[in-house]
Amino acid sequence: MDQHHEHYHKPEKQKAWWRTPAGIVAIFFFGLIGYFLIAEHKAHLLGNWIWLILLLCPLLHIFMHGGHGGHGGHGHPGNSDGRDGE
């Protein structure tokens, strides 16, 4: 007896969250909030852009070093923490 039950094991097609009615409303409100945030704070942002760039440097440094384990272990094969067998 040869029975095929593949149709029971297929995952259901779910719509992406942004295509649901709640997702469309959320995207609309995020866009509206973003517009007013930029419109109301444009003078502050344009007047202090150099400080914003300088603030990005440490943030990028912190988040970009997460991928390779931080500063320890550079040039020490097999030892990821940088210590000498302590």
Protein backbone atom coordinates (compact mmCIF):
# COMPACT_ATOMS: atom_id res chain seq x y z
CA MET A 1 0.00 0.00 0.00
CA ASP A 2 1.54 3.31 -1.11
CA GLN A 3 0.17 6.36 0.67
CA HIS A 4 1.58 9.82 0.18
CA HIS A 5 1.15 12.24 3.05
CA GLU A 6 3.50 15.02 1.94
CA HIS A 7 0.71 17.55 2.02
CA TYR A 8 0.51 17.13 5.80
CA HIS A 9 4.16 18.07 6.28
CA LYS A 10 4.33 21.22 4.19
CA PRO A 11 4.63 24.47 6.18
CA GLU A 12 1.75 26.87 5.84
CA LYS A 13 2.32 29.98 3.77
CA GLN A 14 2.23 32.90 6.18
CA LYS A 15 2.13 36.49 5.06
CA ALA A 16 5.03 38.72 6.03
CA TRP A 17 4.23 40.84 9.08
CA TRP A 18 4.40 44.05 7.08
CA ARG A 19 1.70 42.79 4.71
CA THR A 20 -0.83 42.24 7.49
CA PRO A 21 -3.25 45.07 8.34
CA ALA A 22 -1.50 45.65 11.68
CA GLY A 23 1.88 45.75 9.91
CA ILE A 24 0.67 48.30 7.37
CA VAL A 25 -0.64 50.52 10.18
CA ALA A 26 2.63 50.12 12.12
CA ILE A 27 4.72 51.08 9.06
CA PHE A 28 2.50 54.11 8.49
CA PHE A 29 2.95 55.27 12.09
CA PHE A 30 6.72 54.63 12.04
CA GLY A 31 6.95 56.72 8.87
CA LEU A 32 4.86 59.49 10.42
CA ILE A 33 6.95 59.48 13.60
CA GLY A 34 10.17 59.52 11.55
CA TYR A 35 8.95 62.45 9.48
CA PHE A 36 8.05 64.57 12.50
CA LEU A 37 11.25 63.60 14.32
CA ILE A 38 13.35 64.80 11.39
CA ALA A 39 11.19 67.87 10.70
CA GLU A 40 11.21 69.09 14.30
CA HIS A 41 14.87 68.35 15.03
CA LYS A 42 16.45 69.29 11.71
CA ALA A 43 18.01 72.47 13.11
CA HIS A 44 19.59 70.57 16.00
CA LEU A 45 20.92 67.82 13.75
CA LEU A 46 22.34 70.14 11.10
CA GLY A 47 23.98 72.38 13.69
CA ASN A 48 25.70 69.51 15.49
CA TRP A 49 26.50 67.08 12.69
CA ILE A 50 30.22 66.96 13.47
CA TRP A 51 29.52 65.80 17.04
CA LEU A 52 27.12 63.16 15.77
CA ILE A 53 29.82 61.75 13.49
CA LEU A 54 32.29 61.70 16.39
CA LEU A 55 29.73 59.89 18.55
CA LEU A 56 29.39 57.24 15.86
CA CYS A 57 33.07 56.31 16.09
CA PRO A 58 32.95 54.64 19.54
CA LEU A 59 29.60 53.04 18.78
CA LEU A 60 30.91 51.52 15.57
CA HIS A 61 34.04 50.38 17.39
CA ILE A 62 31.99 48.62 20.07
CA PHE A 63 29.57 46.93 17.70
CA MET A 64 32.03 46.04 14.95
CA HIS A 65 34.41 44.23 17.34
CA GLY A 66 31.65 41.86 18.46
CA GLY A 67 32.23 39.63 15.44
CA HIS A 68 35.80 38.53 16.18
CA GLY A 69 35.93 38.32 19.97
CA GLY A 70 37.24 41.74 20.89
CA HIS A 71 40.87 42.87 21.06
CA GLY A 72 42.38 39.81 22.73
CA GLY A 73 44.07 37.05 20.77
CA HIS A 74 45.48 38.95 17.81
CA GLY A 75 48.50 37.03 16.53
CA HIS A 76 48.18 34.20 19.07
CA PRO A 77 47.13 31.05 17.19
CA GLY A 78 44.99 28.71 19.25
CA ASN A 79 44.60 31.16 22.11
CA SER A 80 41.60 33.46 21.73
CA ASP A 81 41.92 35.37 25.03
CA GLY A 82 45.48 36.66 24.48
CA ARG A 83 46.97 35.19 27.71
CA ASP A 84 50.16 33.10 27.71
CA GLY A 85 48.88 29.85 29.23
CA GLU A 86 48.11 31.23 32.69
